[in-house]
C-alpha cells in the first residue's frame, strides 16, 4: 500500500490517548506524522524538567499543561491532524465520555492503578474497541524482552515486568521503543491488518 493510500484511510480515523507523558506524547506524534485525522489527548499534568528525558516536549515548555502543549507540538508537525484536548484526570466515570468517538484507545499511564482502571473501564464500556497498552517500559537495554502480546481486544506493548520505580526509571530509549510499538499496533488496527 502506498503512503498516499495509507493517509487516505487514516484521515478519517480517531485515536484516543490516555496520558500525555512519555508513551502518550511520543505515540501521538508518531500517529500525527503518518496522518491520523483526529487524536483525542487527555492529561491533567504539567511539564516538568524531569519529563524531558523521555517526553515530546522542549525546555521552554516546562510548567505548561501537557495536553495543550502536545497539541501545539503536533500542529507544528502535521497541521492536518485535528487534536482534541481534554485537560482532565481520567477516571472510570469520565473515560467513556472522553473516548466515545475513538476508533482505538491508547493507554499511556505511568501508574499501575491507572493502567488497571482504564483497562477495566474500556473492556466494560467499549467491548468492541481495541485498547493498546504500554506495560513494562522502565530501565534500559534488554531489547529482546520488549514484545507485543494480544489478549482479545487488548494489545500490550513492553516487557510486561519492568515497572517504573525510583531505582528503575523510565528512560527515552525504551519509552520510545514501546510508544512507537503502540503507534504501530494502532496502525495495524486502523488499516485492518490486526487479526
N, C-alpha and C. Protein backbone atom coordinates (compact mmCIF):
# COMPACT_ATOMS: atom_id res chain seq x y z
N UNK A 1 0.84 -1.18 0.00
CA UNK A 1 0.00 0.00 0.00
C UNK A 1 0.88 1.24 0.00
N UNK A 2 0.58 2.16 -0.87
CA UNK A 2 1.34 3.42 -0.95
C UNK A 2 1.00 4.34 0.22
N UNK A 3 1.94 5.25 0.54
CA UNK A 3 1.71 6.17 1.65
C UNK A 3 0.48 7.04 1.40
N UNK A 4 0.25 7.43 0.15
CA UNK A 4 -0.93 8.23 -0.17
C UNK A 4 -2.21 7.46 0.16
N UNK A 5 -2.23 6.15 -0.06
CA UNK A 5 -3.40 5.33 0.27
C UNK A 5 -3.55 5.21 1.79
N UNK A 6 -2.43 5.04 2.47
CA UNK A 6 -2.46 4.95 3.93
C UNK A 6 -3.05 6.23 4.52
N UNK A 7 -2.56 7.39 4.06
CA UNK A 7 -3.06 8.67 4.57
C UNK A 7 -4.55 8.84 4.28
N UNK A 8 -4.99 8.36 3.12
CA UNK A 8 -6.41 8.46 2.75
C UNK A 8 -7.29 7.71 3.75
N UNK A 9 -6.84 6.53 4.17
CA UNK A 9 -7.58 5.75 5.16
C UNK A 9 -7.52 6.41 6.53
N UNK A 10 -6.32 6.82 6.93
CA UNK A 10 -6.12 7.32 8.30
C UNK A 10 -6.77 8.67 8.55
N UNK A 11 -6.99 9.47 7.52
CA UNK A 11 -7.51 10.82 7.75
C UNK A 11 -8.92 10.82 8.32
N UNK A 12 -9.64 9.71 8.20
CA UNK A 12 -11.00 9.64 8.76
C UNK A 12 -11.03 8.93 10.11
N UNK A 13 -9.88 8.57 10.65
CA UNK A 13 -9.81 7.81 11.89
C UNK A 13 -9.54 8.70 13.10
N UNK A 14 -10.01 8.23 14.26
CA UNK A 14 -9.82 8.95 15.52
C UNK A 14 -9.18 8.02 16.54
N UNK A 15 -8.11 8.48 17.14
CA UNK A 15 -7.39 7.70 18.16
C UNK A 15 -7.40 8.48 19.46
N UNK A 16 -7.74 7.81 20.54
CA UNK A 16 -7.70 8.42 21.87
C UNK A 16 -6.44 8.02 22.60
N UNK A 17 -5.82 8.97 23.27
CA UNK A 17 -4.60 8.69 24.02
C UNK A 17 -4.78 9.16 25.46
N UNK A 18 -4.73 8.17 26.36
CA UNK A 18 -4.92 8.42 27.79
C UNK A 18 -3.56 8.64 28.44
N UNK A 19 -3.18 9.89 28.61
CA UNK A 19 -1.89 10.26 29.19
C UNK A 19 -0.99 10.87 28.14
N UNK A 20 -0.38 12.00 28.48
CA UNK A 20 0.48 12.71 27.53
C UNK A 20 1.93 12.76 28.01
N UNK A 21 2.37 11.71 28.69
CA UNK A 21 3.74 11.63 29.14
C UNK A 21 4.62 10.98 28.09
N UNK A 22 5.54 10.13 28.55
CA UNK A 22 6.50 9.51 27.63
C UNK A 22 5.84 8.68 26.56
N UNK A 23 4.98 7.74 26.96
CA UNK A 23 4.29 6.91 25.98
C UNK A 23 3.33 7.73 25.14
N UNK A 24 2.47 8.48 25.80
CA UNK A 24 1.41 9.20 25.09
C UNK A 24 1.91 10.27 24.14
N UNK A 25 2.88 11.08 24.58
CA UNK A 25 3.35 12.16 23.71
C UNK A 25 4.07 11.62 22.48
N UNK A 26 4.88 10.59 22.67
CA UNK A 26 5.62 10.02 21.54
C UNK A 26 4.71 9.22 20.61
N UNK A 27 3.75 8.50 21.15
CA UNK A 27 2.80 7.76 20.33
C UNK A 27 1.95 8.73 19.51
N UNK A 28 1.46 9.79 20.13
CA UNK A 28 0.64 10.78 19.44
C UNK A 28 1.40 11.42 18.28
N UNK A 29 2.67 11.76 18.51
CA UNK A 29 3.48 12.36 17.46
C UNK A 29 3.66 11.39 16.29
N UNK A 30 3.92 10.12 16.60
CA UNK A 30 4.09 9.12 15.53
C UNK A 30 2.80 9.00 14.71
N UNK A 31 1.66 8.99 15.38
CA UNK A 31 0.38 8.87 14.67
C UNK A 31 0.07 10.11 13.84
N UNK A 32 0.41 11.27 14.36
CA UNK A 32 0.21 12.51 13.58
C UNK A 32 1.10 12.52 12.34
N UNK A 33 2.32 12.05 12.48
CA UNK A 33 3.26 12.04 11.34
C UNK A 33 2.74 11.19 10.19
N UNK A 34 2.02 10.09 10.49
CA UNK A 34 1.53 9.23 9.42
C UNK A 34 0.14 9.63 8.93
N UNK A 35 -0.47 10.64 9.56
CA UNK A 35 -1.69 11.20 9.02
C UNK A 35 -3.00 10.79 9.67
N UNK A 36 -2.97 10.33 10.93
CA UNK A 36 -4.23 10.06 11.63
C UNK A 36 -5.02 11.36 11.68
N UNK A 37 -6.30 11.30 11.32
CA UNK A 37 -7.11 12.51 11.18
C UNK A 37 -7.40 13.25 12.46
N UNK A 38 -7.75 12.51 13.53
CA UNK A 38 -8.09 13.15 14.80
C UNK A 38 -7.45 12.37 15.94
N UNK A 39 -6.85 13.10 16.86
CA UNK A 39 -6.27 12.49 18.06
C UNK A 39 -6.87 13.20 19.27
N UNK A 40 -7.47 12.41 20.15
CA UNK A 40 -8.02 12.93 21.41
C UNK A 40 -6.98 12.65 22.48
N UNK A 41 -6.43 13.71 23.08
CA UNK A 41 -5.40 13.55 24.11
C UNK A 41 -5.94 14.02 25.45
N UNK A 42 -5.73 13.19 26.47
CA UNK A 42 -6.26 13.51 27.80
C UNK A 42 -5.16 13.40 28.85
N UNK A 43 -4.97 14.48 29.60
CA UNK A 43 -3.99 14.52 30.68
C UNK A 43 -4.26 15.76 31.52
N UNK A 44 -3.98 15.68 32.81
CA UNK A 44 -4.21 16.80 33.73
C UNK A 44 -2.92 17.48 34.17
N UNK A 45 -1.77 16.90 33.80
CA UNK A 45 -0.48 17.26 34.38
C UNK A 45 0.21 18.41 33.63
N UNK A 46 1.26 18.95 34.27
CA UNK A 46 2.09 19.96 33.63
C UNK A 46 3.48 19.38 33.37
N UNK A 47 4.21 20.01 32.46
CA UNK A 47 5.54 19.55 32.07
C UNK A 47 6.55 19.96 33.13
N UNK A 48 7.37 19.00 33.53
CA UNK A 48 8.46 19.25 34.47
C UNK A 48 9.78 18.96 33.79
N UNK A 49 10.84 19.53 34.32
CA UNK A 49 12.17 19.31 33.74
C UNK A 49 12.50 17.82 33.65
N UNK A 50 12.12 17.05 34.66
CA UNK A 50 12.44 15.62 34.67
C UNK A 50 11.74 14.86 33.55
N UNK A 51 10.67 15.42 32.99
CA UNK A 51 9.95 14.77 31.89
C UNK A 51 10.73 14.79 30.58
N UNK A 52 11.63 15.73 30.44
CA UNK A 52 12.29 15.95 29.14
C UNK A 52 13.21 14.81 28.73
N UNK A 53 13.51 13.88 29.66
CA UNK A 53 14.37 12.76 29.29
C UNK A 53 13.64 11.77 28.38
N UNK A 54 12.30 11.87 28.28
CA UNK A 54 11.56 10.85 27.52
C UNK A 54 10.29 11.36 26.86
N UNK A 55 9.88 12.57 27.12
CA UNK A 55 8.60 13.08 26.61
C UNK A 55 8.81 14.09 25.50
N UNK A 56 7.83 14.21 24.60
CA UNK A 56 7.98 15.04 23.41
C UNK A 56 7.65 16.51 23.72
N UNK A 57 8.48 17.07 24.58
CA UNK A 57 8.36 18.49 24.95
C UNK A 57 9.74 19.11 24.92
N UNK A 58 9.78 20.44 25.10
CA UNK A 58 11.02 21.18 25.00
C UNK A 58 11.25 22.02 26.26
N UNK A 59 12.49 22.42 26.45
CA UNK A 59 12.90 23.14 27.66
C UNK A 59 12.01 24.35 27.93
N UNK A 60 11.70 25.12 26.88
CA UNK A 60 10.90 26.34 27.08
C UNK A 60 9.42 26.05 27.34
N UNK A 61 9.03 24.76 27.38
CA UNK A 61 7.64 24.39 27.65
C UNK A 61 7.43 23.91 29.08
N UNK A 62 8.50 23.89 29.87
CA UNK A 62 8.39 23.48 31.28
C UNK A 62 7.37 24.39 31.98
N UNK A 63 6.49 23.76 32.76
CA UNK A 63 5.46 24.50 33.51
C UNK A 63 4.14 24.62 32.77
N UNK A 64 4.09 24.24 31.51
CA UNK A 64 2.85 24.33 30.72
C UNK A 64 2.07 23.02 30.82
N UNK A 65 0.76 23.09 30.59
CA UNK A 65 -0.05 21.87 30.60
C UNK A 65 0.37 20.92 29.48
N UNK A 66 0.53 19.64 29.81
CA UNK A 66 0.99 18.67 28.82
C UNK A 66 0.05 18.57 27.62
N UNK A 67 -1.24 18.44 27.86
CA UNK A 67 -2.17 18.21 26.75
C UNK A 67 -2.18 19.39 25.77
N UNK A 68 -2.29 20.61 26.28
CA UNK A 68 -2.29 21.78 25.40
C UNK A 68 -0.98 21.92 24.64
N UNK A 69 0.11 21.64 25.32
CA UNK A 69 1.43 21.79 24.71
C UNK A 69 1.66 20.71 23.66
N UNK A 70 1.21 19.49 23.93
CA UNK A 70 1.33 18.44 22.93
C UNK A 70 0.54 18.80 21.68
N UNK A 71 -0.64 19.38 21.85
CA UNK A 71 -1.42 19.83 20.69
C UNK A 71 -0.61 20.83 19.86
N UNK A 72 0.02 21.79 20.52
CA UNK A 72 0.85 22.78 19.82
C UNK A 72 1.98 22.10 19.06
N UNK A 73 2.64 21.14 19.69
CA UNK A 73 3.76 20.44 19.03
C UNK A 73 3.28 19.63 17.84
N UNK A 74 2.13 18.96 17.98
CA UNK A 74 1.59 18.17 16.88
C UNK A 74 1.18 19.08 15.72
N UNK A 75 0.60 20.22 16.02
CA UNK A 75 0.21 21.16 14.96
C UNK A 75 1.40 21.64 14.15
N UNK A 76 2.56 21.72 14.77
CA UNK A 76 3.78 22.09 14.04
C UNK A 76 4.25 20.96 13.14
N UNK A 77 3.97 19.72 13.53
CA UNK A 77 4.39 18.54 12.76
C UNK A 77 3.42 18.26 11.63
N UNK A 78 2.12 18.26 11.94
CA UNK A 78 1.11 17.98 10.92
C UNK A 78 -0.15 18.79 11.22
N UNK A 79 -0.28 19.96 10.62
CA UNK A 79 -1.45 20.79 10.89
C UNK A 79 -2.76 20.18 10.39
N UNK A 80 -2.68 19.12 9.61
CA UNK A 80 -3.90 18.46 9.11
C UNK A 80 -4.50 17.52 10.16
N UNK A 81 -3.73 17.14 11.16
CA UNK A 81 -4.26 16.30 12.24
C UNK A 81 -5.00 17.20 13.23
N UNK A 82 -6.27 16.89 13.45
CA UNK A 82 -7.07 17.62 14.43
C UNK A 82 -6.77 17.03 15.81
N UNK A 83 -6.43 17.88 16.76
CA UNK A 83 -6.13 17.43 18.12
C UNK A 83 -7.19 17.99 19.06
N UNK A 84 -7.87 17.08 19.75
CA UNK A 84 -8.88 17.46 20.74
C UNK A 84 -8.26 17.27 22.12
N UNK A 85 -8.19 18.35 22.87
CA UNK A 85 -7.55 18.34 24.19
C UNK A 85 -8.59 18.17 25.28
N UNK A 86 -8.29 17.25 26.19
CA UNK A 86 -9.10 17.05 27.39
C UNK A 86 -8.16 17.22 28.59
N UNK A 87 -8.25 18.36 29.27
CA UNK A 87 -7.43 18.62 30.46
C UNK A 87 -8.17 18.05 31.67
N UNK A 88 -8.10 16.72 31.81
CA UNK A 88 -8.83 16.05 32.88
C UNK A 88 -7.97 14.96 33.50
N UNK A 89 -8.29 14.66 34.75
CA UNK A 89 -7.76 13.48 35.41
C UNK A 89 -8.73 12.36 35.05
N UNK A 90 -8.25 11.37 34.32
CA UNK A 90 -9.13 10.32 33.83
C UNK A 90 -9.55 9.36 34.94
N UNK A 91 -10.85 9.07 34.97
CA UNK A 91 -11.43 8.15 35.94
C UNK A 91 -12.38 7.21 35.20
N UNK A 92 -12.83 6.19 35.90
CA UNK A 92 -13.78 5.27 35.26
C UNK A 92 -15.08 5.98 34.91
N UNK A 93 -15.38 7.09 35.57
CA UNK A 93 -16.60 7.85 35.27
C UNK A 93 -16.47 8.67 33.99
N UNK A 94 -15.30 9.28 33.72
CA UNK A 94 -15.20 10.16 32.54
C UNK A 94 -14.55 9.53 31.32
N UNK A 95 -13.88 8.39 31.46
CA UNK A 95 -13.26 7.72 30.31
C UNK A 95 -14.28 7.45 29.20
N UNK A 96 -15.48 6.94 29.51
CA UNK A 96 -16.44 6.68 28.42
C UNK A 96 -16.80 7.92 27.61
N UNK A 97 -16.97 9.06 28.26
CA UNK A 97 -17.31 10.29 27.55
C UNK A 97 -16.13 10.82 26.75
N UNK A 98 -14.94 10.82 27.35
CA UNK A 98 -13.75 11.38 26.69
C UNK A 98 -13.42 10.61 25.40
N UNK A 99 -13.54 9.28 25.45
CA UNK A 99 -13.08 8.46 24.32
C UNK A 99 -14.20 7.81 23.50
N UNK A 100 -15.44 8.29 23.65
CA UNK A 100 -16.58 7.65 22.99
C UNK A 100 -16.49 7.65 21.46
N UNK A 101 -15.86 8.63 20.87
CA UNK A 101 -15.79 8.73 19.40
C UNK A 101 -14.51 8.16 18.81
N UNK A 102 -13.72 7.48 19.62
CA UNK A 102 -12.42 6.98 19.15
C UNK A 102 -12.55 5.58 18.54
N UNK A 103 -11.79 5.36 17.48
CA UNK A 103 -11.73 4.03 16.86
C UNK A 103 -10.84 3.09 17.66
N UNK A 104 -9.79 3.63 18.24
CA UNK A 104 -8.82 2.87 19.05
C UNK A 104 -8.43 3.77 20.21
N UNK A 105 -8.13 3.15 21.36
CA UNK A 105 -7.68 3.91 22.54
C UNK A 105 -6.29 3.41 22.93
N UNK A 106 -5.42 4.34 23.28
CA UNK A 106 -4.06 4.02 23.72
C UNK A 106 -3.94 4.36 25.20
N UNK A 107 -3.51 3.37 25.98
CA UNK A 107 -3.23 3.59 27.41
C UNK A 107 -1.78 4.01 27.53
N UNK A 108 -1.54 5.16 28.18
CA UNK A 108 -0.18 5.68 28.28
C UNK A 108 0.09 6.26 29.67
N UNK A 109 -0.28 5.50 30.69
CA UNK A 109 -0.09 5.93 32.07
C UNK A 109 1.21 5.38 32.64
N UNK A 110 1.70 6.03 33.70
CA UNK A 110 2.86 5.55 34.45
C UNK A 110 2.45 4.57 35.55
N UNK A 111 1.35 4.86 36.19
CA UNK A 111 0.98 4.14 37.41
C UNK A 111 0.12 2.91 37.14
N UNK A 112 0.42 1.84 37.88
CA UNK A 112 -0.26 0.56 37.70
C UNK A 112 -1.76 0.66 37.96
N UNK A 113 -2.15 1.41 39.01
CA UNK A 113 -3.58 1.50 39.31
C UNK A 113 -4.35 2.22 38.22
N UNK A 114 -3.74 3.21 37.58
CA UNK A 114 -4.37 3.92 36.47
C UNK A 114 -4.49 3.01 35.25
N UNK A 115 -3.45 2.21 34.99
CA UNK A 115 -3.49 1.24 33.89
C UNK A 115 -4.64 0.25 34.11
N UNK A 116 -4.73 -0.25 35.32
CA UNK A 116 -5.79 -1.21 35.64
C UNK A 116 -7.17 -0.59 35.47
N UNK A 117 -7.32 0.66 35.90
CA UNK A 117 -8.61 1.35 35.79
C UNK A 117 -9.04 1.47 34.33
N UNK A 118 -8.13 1.93 33.47
CA UNK A 118 -8.56 2.15 32.08
C UNK A 118 -8.79 0.83 31.35
N UNK A 119 -8.00 -0.18 31.64
CA UNK A 119 -8.23 -1.49 31.00
C UNK A 119 -9.62 -2.00 31.36
N UNK A 120 -9.95 -1.99 32.64
CA UNK A 120 -11.27 -2.48 33.08
C UNK A 120 -12.39 -1.63 32.50
N UNK A 121 -12.21 -0.31 32.49
CA UNK A 121 -13.26 0.59 32.00
C UNK A 121 -13.49 0.43 30.51
N UNK A 122 -12.42 0.34 29.74
CA UNK A 122 -12.58 0.20 28.29
C UNK A 122 -13.19 -1.15 27.94
N UNK A 123 -12.73 -2.22 28.57
CA UNK A 123 -13.31 -3.55 28.30
C UNK A 123 -14.81 -3.56 28.61
N UNK A 124 -15.19 -2.93 29.72
CA UNK A 124 -16.60 -2.90 30.12
C UNK A 124 -17.44 -1.98 29.23
N UNK A 125 -16.91 -0.79 28.93
CA UNK A 125 -17.68 0.22 28.22
C UNK A 125 -17.65 0.05 26.70
N UNK A 126 -16.48 -0.32 26.19
CA UNK A 126 -16.30 -0.43 24.74
C UNK A 126 -15.77 -1.82 24.38
N UNK A 127 -16.56 -2.87 24.55
CA UNK A 127 -16.03 -4.23 24.32
C UNK A 127 -15.56 -4.49 22.89
N UNK A 128 -16.00 -3.69 21.93
CA UNK A 128 -15.59 -3.91 20.54
C UNK A 128 -14.40 -3.05 20.12
N UNK A 129 -13.93 -2.17 21.00
CA UNK A 129 -12.79 -1.30 20.66
C UNK A 129 -11.49 -1.91 21.14
N UNK A 130 -10.45 -1.68 20.34
CA UNK A 130 -9.11 -2.10 20.76
C UNK A 130 -8.55 -1.09 21.75
N UNK A 131 -7.80 -1.62 22.72
CA UNK A 131 -7.04 -0.81 23.67
C UNK A 131 -5.59 -1.25 23.55
N UNK A 132 -4.70 -0.30 23.29
CA UNK A 132 -3.27 -0.60 23.13
C UNK A 132 -2.55 -0.05 24.35
N UNK A 133 -1.94 -0.95 25.14
CA UNK A 133 -1.31 -0.58 26.41
C UNK A 133 0.21 -0.65 26.33
N UNK A 134 0.86 0.09 27.21
CA UNK A 134 2.30 0.01 27.38
C UNK A 134 2.60 -0.46 28.79
N UNK A 135 3.12 -1.67 28.91
CA UNK A 135 3.39 -2.24 30.24
C UNK A 135 4.79 -2.85 30.26
N UNK A 136 5.62 -2.35 31.16
CA UNK A 136 6.99 -2.84 31.26
C UNK A 136 7.94 -2.04 30.39
N UNK A 137 8.10 -0.76 30.75
CA UNK A 137 8.91 0.15 29.92
C UNK A 137 10.13 0.69 30.65
N UNK A 138 10.27 0.39 31.92
CA UNK A 138 11.31 1.03 32.73
C UNK A 138 12.70 0.48 32.43
N UNK A 139 13.69 1.29 32.75
CA UNK A 139 15.08 0.87 32.62
C UNK A 139 15.66 1.10 31.24
N UNK A 140 16.64 0.27 30.90
CA UNK A 140 17.34 0.41 29.62
C UNK A 140 17.78 -0.98 29.16
N UNK A 141 18.18 -1.06 27.91
CA UNK A 141 18.65 -2.33 27.36
C UNK A 141 17.56 -3.38 27.26
N UNK A 142 17.98 -4.62 27.17
CA UNK A 142 17.07 -5.77 27.11
C UNK A 142 16.04 -5.64 25.99
N UNK A 143 16.49 -5.20 24.81
CA UNK A 143 15.59 -5.02 23.68
C UNK A 143 14.83 -6.29 23.34
N UNK A 144 15.48 -7.45 23.48
CA UNK A 144 14.84 -8.70 23.09
C UNK A 144 13.68 -9.09 23.98
N UNK A 145 13.53 -8.42 25.13
CA UNK A 145 12.42 -8.73 26.03
C UNK A 145 11.18 -7.89 25.71
N UNK A 146 11.34 -6.86 24.89
CA UNK A 146 10.21 -6.00 24.54
C UNK A 146 9.44 -6.67 23.40
N UNK A 147 8.13 -6.80 23.61
CA UNK A 147 7.32 -7.52 22.63
C UNK A 147 5.89 -6.98 22.63
N UNK A 148 5.10 -7.53 21.73
CA UNK A 148 3.68 -7.22 21.67
C UNK A 148 2.90 -8.50 21.95
N UNK A 149 1.94 -8.41 22.87
CA UNK A 149 1.08 -9.54 23.21
C UNK A 149 -0.37 -9.11 22.99
N UNK A 150 -1.18 -10.01 22.45
CA UNK A 150 -2.59 -9.70 22.21
C UNK A 150 -3.45 -10.54 23.14
N UNK A 151 -4.34 -9.87 23.87
CA UNK A 151 -5.29 -10.51 24.76
C UNK A 151 -6.68 -10.06 24.32
N UNK A 152 -7.25 -10.74 23.34
CA UNK A 152 -8.51 -10.36 22.72
C UNK A 152 -8.37 -8.95 22.13
N UNK A 153 -9.10 -7.97 22.66
CA UNK A 153 -9.04 -6.60 22.11
C UNK A 153 -8.02 -5.72 22.84
N UNK A 154 -7.28 -6.30 23.78
CA UNK A 154 -6.25 -5.55 24.49
C UNK A 154 -4.88 -6.00 23.97
N UNK A 155 -4.11 -5.04 23.49
CA UNK A 155 -2.76 -5.31 22.99
C UNK A 155 -1.78 -4.66 23.95
N UNK A 156 -0.82 -5.44 24.41
CA UNK A 156 0.16 -4.95 25.37
C UNK A 156 1.53 -4.88 24.70
N UNK A 157 2.14 -3.71 24.73
CA UNK A 157 3.48 -3.50 24.22
C UNK A 157 4.41 -3.25 25.41
N UNK A 158 5.55 -3.89 25.42
CA UNK A 158 6.51 -3.75 26.52
C UNK A 158 7.00 -5.12 26.95
N UNK A 159 7.71 -5.18 28.07
CA UNK A 159 8.18 -6.49 28.54
C UNK A 159 7.27 -7.08 29.61
N UNK A 160 6.25 -6.32 30.02
CA UNK A 160 5.23 -6.74 31.00
C UNK A 160 5.79 -7.03 32.38
N UNK A 161 7.03 -6.59 32.68
CA UNK A 161 7.56 -6.86 34.02
C UNK A 161 8.35 -5.70 34.62
N UNK A 162 9.02 -4.88 33.83
CA UNK A 162 9.85 -3.80 34.38
C UNK A 162 9.01 -2.57 34.69
N UNK A 163 8.45 -2.56 35.91
CA UNK A 163 7.65 -1.43 36.35
C UNK A 163 8.54 -0.25 36.73
N UNK A 164 7.98 0.92 36.58
CA UNK A 164 8.68 2.15 36.91
C UNK A 164 8.84 2.28 38.42
N UNK A 165 10.04 2.65 38.87
CA UNK A 165 10.30 2.93 40.27
C UNK A 165 11.46 3.92 40.33
N UNK A 166 11.78 4.38 41.53
CA UNK A 166 12.89 5.33 41.67
C UNK A 166 14.21 4.73 41.20
N UNK A 167 14.40 3.44 41.44
CA UNK A 167 15.63 2.76 41.03
C UNK A 167 15.53 2.11 39.65
N UNK A 168 14.40 2.26 39.00
CA UNK A 168 14.20 1.70 37.66
C UNK A 168 13.35 2.70 36.86
N UNK A 169 13.95 3.87 36.55
CA UNK A 169 13.17 4.94 35.93
C UNK A 169 12.87 4.69 34.45
N UNK A 170 11.83 5.35 33.94
CA UNK A 170 11.57 5.30 32.51
C UNK A 170 12.56 6.21 31.79
N UNK A 171 13.23 5.69 30.78
CA UNK A 171 14.23 6.45 30.04
C UNK A 171 13.87 6.47 28.55
N UNK A 172 14.33 7.50 27.86
CA UNK A 172 13.93 7.74 26.47
C UNK A 172 14.04 6.54 25.54
N UNK A 173 15.13 5.75 25.53
CA UNK A 173 15.20 4.67 24.55
C UNK A 173 14.09 3.64 24.66
N UNK A 174 13.87 3.07 25.85
CA UNK A 174 12.81 2.05 25.98
C UNK A 174 11.42 2.65 25.86
N UNK A 175 11.22 3.84 26.41
CA UNK A 175 9.93 4.51 26.28
C UNK A 175 9.64 4.77 24.80
N UNK A 176 10.66 5.22 24.07
CA UNK A 176 10.48 5.48 22.64
C UNK A 176 10.16 4.22 21.86
N UNK A 177 10.83 3.13 22.18
CA UNK A 177 10.56 1.86 21.50
C UNK A 177 9.11 1.43 21.74
N UNK A 178 8.69 1.45 23.00
CA UNK A 178 7.34 0.97 23.32
C UNK A 178 6.28 1.90 22.77
N UNK A 179 6.48 3.21 22.86
CA UNK A 179 5.47 4.15 22.34
C UNK A 179 5.32 4.00 20.83
N UNK A 180 6.41 3.74 20.13
CA UNK A 180 6.31 3.53 18.69
C UNK A 180 5.74 2.15 18.35
N UNK A 181 5.96 1.16 19.22
CA UNK A 181 5.27 -0.13 19.06
C UNK A 181 3.76 0.07 19.21
N UNK A 182 3.37 0.90 20.17
CA UNK A 182 1.94 1.18 20.35
C UNK A 182 1.37 1.85 19.10
N UNK A 183 2.07 2.84 18.57
CA UNK A 183 1.61 3.52 17.35
C UNK A 183 1.52 2.53 16.19
N UNK A 184 2.48 1.63 16.10
CA UNK A 184 2.48 0.63 15.03
C UNK A 184 1.29 -0.32 15.17
N UNK A 185 0.98 -0.72 16.41
CA UNK A 185 -0.19 -1.59 16.65
C UNK A 185 -1.48 -0.85 16.26
N UNK A 186 -1.56 0.43 16.59
CA UNK A 186 -2.73 1.23 16.20
C UNK A 186 -2.88 1.24 14.69
N UNK A 187 -1.76 1.42 13.98
CA UNK A 187 -1.84 1.41 12.51
C UNK A 187 -2.35 0.09 11.98
N UNK A 188 -1.86 -1.01 12.53
CA UNK A 188 -2.35 -2.32 12.10
C UNK A 188 -3.86 -2.43 12.27
N UNK A 189 -4.37 -1.93 13.37
CA UNK A 189 -5.81 -1.97 13.64
C UNK A 189 -6.55 -1.09 12.63
N UNK A 190 -6.10 0.15 12.49
CA UNK A 190 -6.80 1.10 11.62
C UNK A 190 -6.74 0.71 10.15
N UNK A 191 -5.68 0.04 9.76
CA UNK A 191 -5.54 -0.39 8.38
C UNK A 191 -6.07 -1.81 8.18
N UNK A 192 -6.81 -2.29 9.18
CA UNK A 192 -7.49 -3.59 9.12
C UNK A 192 -6.54 -4.76 8.91
N UNK A 193 -5.36 -4.69 9.53
CA UNK A 193 -4.41 -5.78 9.41
C UNK A 193 -4.28 -6.59 10.70
N UNK A 194 -4.92 -6.16 11.76
CA UNK A 194 -4.83 -6.87 13.03
C UNK A 194 -5.91 -7.96 13.04
N UNK A 195 -5.49 -9.20 13.16
CA UNK A 195 -6.42 -10.34 13.13
C UNK A 195 -6.66 -10.83 14.55
